[in-house]
C-alpha atoms as a PDB file:
ATOM      1  CA  MET A   1      77.199 183.582  35.102  1.00  0.00           C
ATOM      2  CA  ILE A   2      80.995 183.860  35.329  1.00  0.00           C
ATOM      3  CA  LYS A   3      80.934 187.047  33.198  1.00  0.00           C
ATOM      4  CA  PHE A   4      78.285 188.474  35.508  1.00  0.00           C
ATOM      5  CA  PHE A   5      80.476 187.957  38.602  1.00  0.00           C
ATOM      6  CA  ARG A   6      83.515 189.318  36.765  1.00  0.00           C
ATOM      7  CA  LYS A   7      81.668 192.531  35.854  1.00  0.00           C
ATOM      8  CA  ILE A   8      80.656 193.063  39.455  1.00  0.00           C
ATOM      9  CA  ARG A   9      84.265 192.660  40.632  1.00  0.00           C
ATOM     10  CA  GLN A  10      85.554 195.056  37.954  1.00  0.00           C
ATOM     11  CA  LYS A  11      82.923 197.646  38.853  1.00  0.00           C
ATOM     12  CA  LEU A  12      83.847 197.530  42.554  1.00  0.00           C
ATOM     13  CA  LEU A  13      87.538 197.905  41.755  1.00  0.00           C
ATOM     14  CA  THR A  14      86.871 200.784  39.357  1.00  0.00           C
ATOM     15  CA  GLU A  15      84.882 202.592  42.036  1.00  0.00           C
ATOM     16  CA  ASN A  16      87.685 201.959  44.585  1.00  0.00           C
ATOM     17  CA  LYS A  17      85.302 200.059  46.820  1.00  0.00           C
ATOM     18  CA  PHE A  18      88.008 197.643  47.957  1.00  0.00           C
ATOM     19  CA  GLY A  19      86.256 196.621  51.186  1.00  0.00           C
ATOM     20  CA  LYS A  20      83.119 195.690  49.329  1.00  0.00           C
ATOM     21  CA  TYR A  21      85.242 193.969  46.689  1.00  0.00           C
ATOM     22  CA  LEU A  22      86.985 191.901  49.335  1.00  0.00           C
ATOM     23  CA  THR A  23      83.681 190.955  50.951  1.00  0.00           C
ATOM     24  CA  TYR A  24      82.248 190.045  47.581  1.00  0.00           C
ATOM     25  CA  ALA A  25      85.322 187.981  46.656  1.00  0.00           C
ATOM     26  CA  ILE A  26      85.116 186.056  49.909  1.00  0.00           C
ATOM     27  CA  GLY A  27      81.407 185.497  49.322  1.00  0.00           C
ATOM     28  CA  GLU A  28      82.151 184.240  45.838  1.00  0.00           C
ATOM     29  CA  ILE A  29      84.744 181.817  47.213  1.00  0.00           C
ATOM     30  CA  VAL A  30      82.243 180.596  49.800  1.00  0.00           C
ATOM     31  CA  LEU A  31      79.687 180.020  47.051  1.00  0.00           C
ATOM     32  CA  VAL A  32      82.214 178.030  45.016  1.00  0.00           C
ATOM     33  CA  VAL A  33      83.134 175.916  48.074  1.00  0.00           C
ATOM     34  CA  ILE A  34      79.468 175.304  48.833  1.00  0.00           C
ATOM     35  CA  GLY A  35      78.931 174.279  45.222  1.00  0.00           C
ATOM     36  CA  ILE A  36      81.841 171.834  45.408  1.00  0.00           C
ATOM     37  CA  LEU A  37      80.549 170.402  48.680  1.00  0.00           C
ATOM     38  CA  ILE A  38      77.073 169.967  47.222  1.00  0.00           C
ATOM     39  CA  ALA A  39      78.539 168.246  44.157  1.00  0.00           C
ATOM     40  CA  LEU A  40      80.580 165.938  46.401  1.00  0.00           C
ATOM     41  CA  GLN A  41      77.537 165.165  48.520  1.00  0.00           C
ATOM     42  CA  ILE A  42      75.457 164.359  45.444  1.00  0.00           C
ATOM     43  CA  ASN A  43      78.281 162.112  44.208  1.00  0.00           C
ATOM     44  CA  ASN A  44      78.425 160.387  47.612  1.00  0.00           C
ATOM     45  CA  TRP A  45      74.664 159.869  47.547  1.00  0.00           C
ATOM     46  CA  ASN A  46      74.926 158.337  44.077  1.00  0.00           C
ATOM     47  CA  GLU A  47      77.776 156.039  45.165  1.00  0.00           C
ATOM     48  CA  GLU A  48      75.891 154.992  48.291  1.00  0.00           C
ATOM     49  CA  ARG A  49      72.797 154.317  46.192  1.00  0.00           C
ATOM     50  CA  LYS A  50      74.828 152.195  43.750  1.00  0.00           C
ATOM     51  CA  GLN A  51      76.454 150.320  46.628  1.00  0.00           C
ATOM     52  CA  THR A  52      73.080 149.704  48.266  1.00  0.00           C
ATOM     53  CA  ILE A  53      71.720 148.306  44.998  1.00  0.00           C
ATOM     54  CA  GLU A  54      74.824 146.111  44.554  1.00  0.00           C
ATOM     55  CA  GLU A  55      74.604 144.897  48.162  1.00  0.00           C
ATOM     56  CA  ARG A  56      70.906 144.083  47.801  1.00  0.00           C
ATOM     57  CA  GLU A  57      71.505 142.089  44.599  1.00  0.00           C
ATOM     58  CA  THR A  58      74.456 140.308  46.208  1.00  0.00           C
ATOM     59  CA  LEU A  59      72.344 139.370  49.216  1.00  0.00           C
ATOM     60  CA  LYS A  60      69.612 138.017  46.917  1.00  0.00           C
ATOM     61  CA  ASN A  61      72.185 135.838  45.135  1.00  0.00           C
ATOM     62  CA  ILE A  62      73.617 134.587  48.440  1.00  0.00           C
ATOM     63  CA  LYS A  63      70.103 133.771  49.656  1.00  0.00           C
ATOM     64  CA  SER A  64      69.465 131.767  46.487  1.00  0.00           C
ATOM     65  CA  ASP A  65      72.775 129.898  46.941  1.00  0.00           C
ATOM     66  CA  PHE A  66      71.898 128.976  50.522  1.00  0.00           C
ATOM     67  CA  GLU A  67      68.412 127.818  49.534  1.00  0.00           C
ATOM     68  CA  ASN A  68      69.985 125.481  46.964  1.00  0.00           C
ATOM     69  CA  THR A  69      72.517 124.328  49.553  1.00  0.00           C
ATOM     70  CA  ILE A  70      69.728 123.378  51.965  1.00  0.00           C
ATOM     71  CA  ILE A  71      68.044 121.326  49.221  1.00  0.00           C
ATOM     72  CA  GLU A  72      71.300 119.467  48.553  1.00  0.00           C
ATOM     73  CA  PHE A  73      71.954 118.934  52.273  1.00  0.00           C
ATOM     74  CA  GLU A  74      68.484 117.500  52.828  1.00  0.00           C
ATOM     75  CA  GLU A  75      68.847 115.213  49.820  1.00  0.00           C
ATOM     76  CA  ASN A  76      72.215 113.960  51.083  1.00  0.00           C
ATOM     77  CA  ASN A  77      70.759 113.364  54.529  1.00  0.00           C
ATOM     78  CA  ASN A  78      67.989 111.247  53.025  1.00  0.00           C
ATOM     79  CA  PHE A  79      70.662 109.078  51.411  1.00  0.00           C
ATOM     80  CA  ARG A  80      72.568 108.853  54.704  1.00  0.00           C
ATOM     81  CA  LYS A  81      69.422 107.704  56.502  1.00  0.00           C
ATOM     82  CA  ARG A  82      68.867 105.102  53.787  1.00  0.00           C
ATOM     83  CA  ILE A  83      72.427 103.770  54.176  1.00  0.00           C
ATOM     84  CA  ILE A  84      72.257 103.744  57.980  1.00  0.00           C
ATOM     85  CA  SER A  85      68.926 101.899  57.810  1.00  0.00           C
ATOM     86  CA  THR A  86      70.573  99.321  55.540  1.00  0.00           C
ATOM     87  CA  THR A  87      73.414  98.747  57.999  1.00  0.00           C
ATOM     88  CA  LYS A  88      70.787  97.958  60.651  1.00  0.00           C
ATOM     89  CA  VAL A  89      69.314  95.268  58.393  1.00  0.00           C
ATOM     90  CA  PHE A  90      72.721  93.692  57.913  1.00  0.00           C
ATOM     91  CA  TYR A  91      73.463  93.808  61.667  1.00  0.00           C
ATOM     92  CA  ASN A  92      70.316  91.711  62.155  1.00  0.00           C
ATOM     93  CA  LEU A  93      71.284  89.288  59.392  1.00  0.00           C
ATOM     94  CA  ILE A  94      74.692  88.778  60.997  1.00  0.00           C
ATOM     95  CA  HIS A  95      73.083  87.561  64.225  1.00  0.00           C
ATOM     96  CA  ILE A  96      70.490  85.155  62.847  1.00  0.00           C
ATOM     97  CA  GLU A  97      71.100  81.604  61.656  1.00  0.00           C
ATOM     98  CA  GLN A  98      69.090  81.753  58.461  1.00  0.00           C
ATOM     99  CA  ASN A  99      67.808  84.702  56.415  1.00  0.00           C
ATOM    100  CA  ASP A 100      64.853  84.793  54.033  1.00  0.00           C
ATOM    101  CA  TYR A 101      66.434  87.163  51.520  1.00  0.00           C
ATOM    102  CA  SER A 102      67.346  86.056  47.995  1.00  0.00           C
ATOM    103  CA  ASN A 103      70.770  86.906  46.620  1.00  0.00           C
ATOM    104  CA  ARG A 104      69.208  89.556  44.392  1.00  0.00           C
ATOM    105  CA  GLN A 105      67.508  91.178  47.371  1.00  0.00           C
ATOM    106  CA  LEU A 106      70.786  91.139  49.277  1.00  0.00           C
ATOM    107  CA  ASP A 107      72.561  92.640  46.247  1.00  0.00           C
ATOM    108  CA  SER A 108      70.012  95.478  46.249  1.00  0.00           C
ATOM    109  CA  LEU A 109      70.532  96.068  49.960  1.00  0.00           C
ATOM    110  CA  MET A 110      74.305  95.989  49.563  1.00  0.00           C
ATOM    111  CA  ALA A 111      74.041  98.487  46.701  1.00  0.00           C
ATOM    112  CA  ASN A 112      72.743 101.021  49.229  1.00  0.00           C
ATOM    113  CA  LEU A 113      76.084 100.862  51.032  1.00  0.00           C
ATOM    114  CA  PHE A 114      77.827 101.984  47.842  1.00  0.00           C
ATOM    115  CA  ILE A 115      75.836 105.226  47.635  1.00  0.00           C
ATOM    116  CA  ASN A 116      78.197 108.052  48.494  1.00  0.00           C
ATOM    117  CA  PRO A 117      76.377 111.298  49.360  1.00  0.00           C
ATOM    118  CA  THR A 118      78.748 114.255  49.316  1.00  0.00           C
ATOM    119  CA  TYR A 119      78.316 118.013  49.233  1.00  0.00           C
ATOM    120  CA  ASN A 120      79.427 119.217  45.801  1.00  0.00           C
ATOM    121  CA  GLY A 121      77.735 122.602  45.759  1.00  0.00           C
ATOM    122  CA  GLN A 122      79.681 125.841  45.914  1.00  0.00           C
ATOM    123  CA  SER A 123      78.352 129.313  46.582  1.00  0.00           C
ATOM    124  CA  GLU A 124      79.580 131.203  43.534  1.00  0.00           C
ATOM    125  CA  THR A 125      78.503 134.490  45.078  1.00  0.00           C
ATOM    126  CA  LEU A 126      80.505 133.801  48.246  1.00  0.00           C
ATOM    127  CA  ASN A 127      83.533 132.740  46.217  1.00  0.00           C
ATOM    128  CA  ILE A 128      83.413 135.992  44.265  1.00  0.00           C
ATOM    129  CA  LEU A 129      83.052 138.033  47.453  1.00  0.00           C
ATOM    130  CA  PHE A 130      85.997 136.341  49.162  1.00  0.00           C
ATOM    131  CA  ASN A 131      88.269 136.239  46.105  1.00  0.00           C
ATOM    132  CA  SER A 132      87.611 139.858  45.135  1.00  0.00           C
ATOM    133  CA  GLY A 133      87.820 141.152  48.704  1.00  0.00           C
ATOM    134  CA  LYS A 134      84.307 142.570  48.357  1.00  0.00           C
ATOM    135  CA  ILE A 135      82.982 140.887  51.485  1.00  0.00           C
ATOM    136  CA  ASN A 136      82.884 144.318  53.116  1.00  0.00           C
ATOM    137  CA  ILE A 137      80.098 145.286  50.732  1.00  0.00           C
ATOM    138  CA  ILE A 138      77.893 143.464  53.257  1.00  0.00           C
ATOM    139  CA  SER A 139      77.081 146.154  55.804  1.00  0.00           C
ATOM    140  CA  ASN A 140      75.265 143.922  58.295  1.00  0.00           C
ATOM    141  CA  ASP A 141      77.930 142.548  60.656  1.00  0.00           C
ATOM    142  CA  SER A 142      75.793 139.568  61.710  1.00  0.00           C
ATOM    143  CA  ILE A 143      75.439 138.424  58.096  1.00  0.00           C
ATOM    144  CA  LYS A 144      79.067 139.140  57.268  1.00  0.00           C
ATOM    145  CA  ASN A 145      80.392 137.226  60.288  1.00  0.00           C
ATOM    146  CA  ALA A 146      78.131 134.256  59.511  1.00  0.00           C
ATOM    147  CA  LEU A 147      79.339 134.175  55.895  1.00  0.00           C
ATOM    148  CA  VAL A 148      82.988 134.313  56.953  1.00  0.00           C
ATOM    149  CA  LEU A 149      82.494 131.319  59.296  1.00  0.00           C
ATOM    150  CA  TRP A 150      80.496 129.268  56.790  1.00  0.00           C
ATOM    151  CA  PRO A 151      83.347 127.771  54.660  1.00  0.00           C
ATOM    152  CA  GLN A 152      85.123 126.338  57.715  1.00  0.00           C
ATOM    153  CA  GLN A 153      81.885 124.900  59.083  1.00  0.00           C
ATOM    154  CA  VAL A 154      81.236 123.163  55.763  1.00  0.00           C
ATOM    155  CA  GLU A 155      84.824 121.898  55.614  1.00  0.00           C
ATOM    156  CA  ASP A 156      84.407 120.177  58.993  1.00  0.00           C
ATOM    157  CA  MET A 157      81.462 118.239  57.576  1.00  0.00           C
ATOM    158  CA  THR A 158      83.126 117.364  54.266  1.00  0.00           C
ATOM    159  CA  GLU A 159      86.138 115.900  56.085  1.00  0.00           C
ATOM    160  CA  ASP A 160      83.857 113.206  57.510  1.00  0.00           C
ATOM    161  CA  GLU A 161      82.370 112.676  54.051  1.00  0.00           C
ATOM    162  CA  ILE A 162      85.849 111.979  52.687  1.00  0.00           C
ATOM    163  CA  TYR A 163      86.546 109.518  55.502  1.00  0.00           C
ATOM    164  CA  SER A 164      83.237 107.772  54.807  1.00  0.00           C
ATOM    165  CA  SER A 165      84.084 107.512  51.090  1.00  0.00           C
ATOM    166  CA  ASN A 166      87.431 105.944  51.882  1.00  0.00           C
ATOM    167  CA  ILE A 167      85.689 103.193  53.871  1.00  0.00           C
ATOM    168  CA  ILE A 168      83.862 102.109  50.708  1.00  0.00           C
ATOM    169  CA  TYR A 169      86.950 101.748  48.554  1.00  0.00           C
ATOM    170  CA  LYS A 170      89.552 100.702  51.122  1.00  0.00           C
ATOM    171  CA  ASP A 171      87.504  98.350  53.304  1.00  0.00           C
ATOM    172  CA  LEU A 172      84.081  97.453  51.936  1.00  0.00           C
ATOM    173  CA  TYR A 173      85.002  96.589  48.334  1.00  0.00           C
ATOM    174  CA  PRO A 174      87.992  94.334  49.192  1.00  0.00           C
ATOM    175  CA  LEU A 175      85.919  92.454  51.776  1.00  0.00           C
ATOM    176  CA  LEU A 176      82.882  91.916  49.540  1.00  0.00           C
ATOM    177  CA  LYS A 177      84.983  90.674  46.625  1.00  0.00           C
ATOM    178  CA  ARG A 178      85.885  87.610  48.659  1.00  0.00           C
ATOM    179  CA  TYR A 179      82.259  86.499  49.044  1.00  0.00           C
ATOM    180  CA  VAL A 180      79.876  88.126  46.554  1.00  0.00           C
ATOM    181  CA  SER A 181      79.685  89.671  43.068  1.00  0.00           C
ATOM    182  CA  ILE A 182      80.490  93.382  42.828  1.00  0.00           C
ATOM    183  CA  TYR A 183      79.094  93.178  39.300  1.00  0.00           C
ATOM    184  CA  ASN A 184      75.680  92.101  40.583  1.00  0.00           C
ATOM    185  CA  ILE A 185      75.732  94.732  43.326  1.00  0.00           C
ATOM    186  CA  ASN A 186      76.618  97.485  40.847  1.00  0.00           C
ATOM    187  CA  ASN A 187      73.802  96.237  38.670  1.00  0.00           C
ATOM    188  CA  SER A 188      71.421  96.873  41.588  1.00  0.00           C
ATOM    189  CA  ILE A 189      72.478 100.448  42.371  1.00  0.00           C
ATOM    190  CA  ASN A 190      69.654 102.936  42.020  1.00  0.00           C
ATOM    191  CA  TYR A 191      70.640 106.573  42.456  1.00  0.00           C
ATOM    192  CA  LYS A 192      68.046 109.334  42.214  1.00  0.00           C
ATOM    193  CA  GLY A 193      65.774 106.980  40.318  1.00  0.00           C
ATOM    194  CA  LEU A 194      68.502 106.046  37.831  1.00  0.00           C
ATOM    195  CA  THR A 195      70.030 102.617  37.287  1.00  0.00           C
ATOM    196  CA  LEU A 196      73.701 103.443  36.844  1.00  0.00           C
ATOM    197  CA  PHE A 197      75.021 100.022  35.895  1.00  0.00           C
ATOM    198  CA  ASN A 198      72.262  98.477  33.808  1.00  0.00           C
ATOM    199  CA  ASN A 199      73.260  95.083  32.416  1.00  0.00           C
ATOM    200  CA  PRO A 200      70.632  92.384  31.727  1.00  0.00           C
ATOM    201  CA  THR A 201      72.819  89.474  32.796  1.00  0.00           C
ATOM    202  CA  GLN A 202      73.849  88.246  36.226  1.00  0.00           C
ATOM    203  CA  SER A 203      77.378  87.259  37.191  1.00  0.00           C
ATOM    204  CA  THR A 204      78.283  83.574  37.325  1.00  0.00           C
ATOM    205  CA  THR A 205      80.612  84.240  40.276  1.00  0.00           C
ATOM    206  CA  PRO A 206      79.798  82.036  43.307  1.00  0.00           C
ATOM    207  CA  ILE A 207      77.785  83.998  45.892  1.00  0.00           C
ATOM    208  CA  ASP A 208      78.323  83.347  49.591  1.00  0.00           C
ATOM    209  CA  TYR A 209      76.399  85.896  51.652  1.00  0.00           C
ATOM    210  CA  ASN A 210      76.247  83.513  54.603  1.00  0.00           C
ATOM    211  CA  GLY A 211      80.040  83.356  54.617  1.00  0.00           C
ATOM    212  CA  LEU A 212      80.169  87.161  54.497  1.00  0.00           C
ATOM    213  CA  PHE A 213      77.790  87.467  57.459  1.00  0.00           C
ATOM    214  CA  LYS A 214      79.920  85.068  59.511  1.00  0.00           C
ATOM    215  CA  ASP A 215      83.081  87.066  58.797  1.00  0.00           C
ATOM    216  CA  ARG A 216      83.518  89.319  61.855  1.00  0.00           C
ATOM    217  CA  GLU A 217      85.336  91.855  59.647  1.00  0.00           C
ATOM    218  CA  PHE A 218      82.012  92.583  57.947  1.00  0.00           C
ATOM    219  CA  GLU A 219      80.360  93.818  61.148  1.00  0.00           C
ATOM    220  CA  GLY A 220      83.337  96.100  61.839  1.00  0.00           C
ATOM    221  CA  THR A 221      83.236  97.455  58.289  1.00  0.00           C
ATOM    222  CA  LEU A 222      79.511  98.148  58.622  1.00  0.00           C
ATOM    223  CA  SER A 223      80.072 100.117  61.815  1.00  0.00           C
ATOM    224  CA  SER A 224      82.951 102.013  60.171  1.00  0.00           C
ATOM    225  CA  ARG A 225      80.612 102.889  57.299  1.00  0.00           C
ATOM    226  CA  GLU A 226      77.783 103.912  59.621  1.00  0.00           C
ATOM    227  CA  LEU A 227      79.644 106.058  62.157  1.00  0.00           C
ATOM    228  CA  PRO A 228      80.931 108.877  59.891  1.00  0.00           C
ATOM    229  CA  LEU A 229      77.547 108.918  58.139  1.00  0.00           C
ATOM    230  CA  SER A 230      75.833 109.461  61.501  1.00  0.00           C
ATOM    231  CA  VAL A 231      78.276 112.252  62.321  1.00  0.00           C
ATOM    232  CA  SER A 232      77.758 113.876  58.904  1.00  0.00           C
ATOM    233  CA  LEU A 233      73.997 113.603  59.415  1.00  0.00           C
ATOM    234  CA  ILE A 234      74.242 115.576  62.663  1.00  0.00           C
ATOM    235  CA  GLN A 235      76.670 118.114  61.197  1.00  0.00           C
ATOM    236  CA  THR A 236      74.553 118.638  58.102  1.00  0.00           C
ATOM    237  CA  ASN A 237      71.414 119.197  60.158  1.00  0.00           C
ATOM    238  CA  GLU A 238      73.319 121.841  62.134  1.00  0.00           C
ATOM    239  CA  LEU A 239      74.466 123.462  58.874  1.00  0.00           C
ATOM    240  CA  ILE A 240      70.894 123.490  57.601  1.00  0.00           C
ATOM    241  CA  GLU A 241      69.815 125.419  60.694  1.00  0.00           C
ATOM    242  CA  ILE A 242      72.722 127.864  60.258  1.00  0.00           C
ATOM    243  CA  ALA A 243      71.820 128.321  56.585  1.00  0.00           C
ATOM    244  CA  LYS A 244      68.182 128.997  57.492  1.00  0.00           C
ATOM    245  CA  LYS A 245      69.291 131.594  60.052  1.00  0.00           C
ATOM    246  CA  ILE A 246      71.481 133.313  57.438  1.00  0.00           C
ATOM    247  CA  ILE A 247      68.551 133.355  55.007  1.00  0.00           C
ATOM    248  CA  ARG A 248      66.315 134.973  57.648  1.00  0.00           C
ATOM    249  CA  LEU A 249      68.957 137.623  58.358  1.00  0.00           C
ATOM    250  CA  ILE A 250      69.298 138.324  54.632  1.00  0.00           C
ATOM    251  CA  GLU A 251      65.535 138.569  54.146  1.00  0.00           C
ATOM    252  CA  ASP A 252      65.296 141.100  56.988  1.00  0.00           C
ATOM    253  CA  GLU A 253      68.215 143.098  55.569  1.00  0.00           C
ATOM    254  CA  ILE A 254      66.773 143.153  52.049  1.00  0.00           C
ATOM    255  CA  SER A 255      63.438 144.291  53.470  1.00  0.00           C
ATOM    256  CA  ASP A 256      65.152 147.145  55.333  1.00  0.00           C
ATOM    257  CA  LYS A 257      66.939 148.283  52.170  1.00  0.00           C
ATOM    258  CA  LYS A 258      63.818 148.615  50.021  1.00  0.00           C
END
């Protein structure tokens, strides 16, 4: 092809047809430019196609992460409800003269207060996006803005989880040790269907639940345990709704990109 064009130029020059030569040369340049532009456009199309595929796969991974997060949130909330329900039982026991519970039953109830539901999940896809600076691969501004806000929203909830955990170790344990057996309570803990501290024997430590219930510090510790759990319950429910909204936005975006 190049030889063909060269022959035409040489023929025009030989025949002293400079005007036609000039017109032809300009036409040839235009053709080359058009060819370059077409090649660039094809390259841009390929890059856009690759980016669309990468964005779609990224969105699918984020959707999966959020679905798993919702499962973990709901599981943690079930534990929080269980603990809060237990505090209500103990409030009642504090205000009655005599209870009908055995020490073993009370140990099992107390074991519920030691359950410590916390959010441990991390969105690996989000971490990669933020750490690599690839968050801008998400073209939908509504999704992108929601993802940017998400870590701070989760952090607000986990701060209350940390406070709630501290109540167990700084307040609840020291108080209980004065009246009951931590060994027996640990032996009663059941977490996700598993007995974590499974010893066949019972402690010989004197048990004084009635003394514990009469100690006004116990009621205050119960309320300190309950309050952050109630707050986390509300916050987590709000996060679940946000996560569901993000999933819906992602599903719509993936559908549009098919």
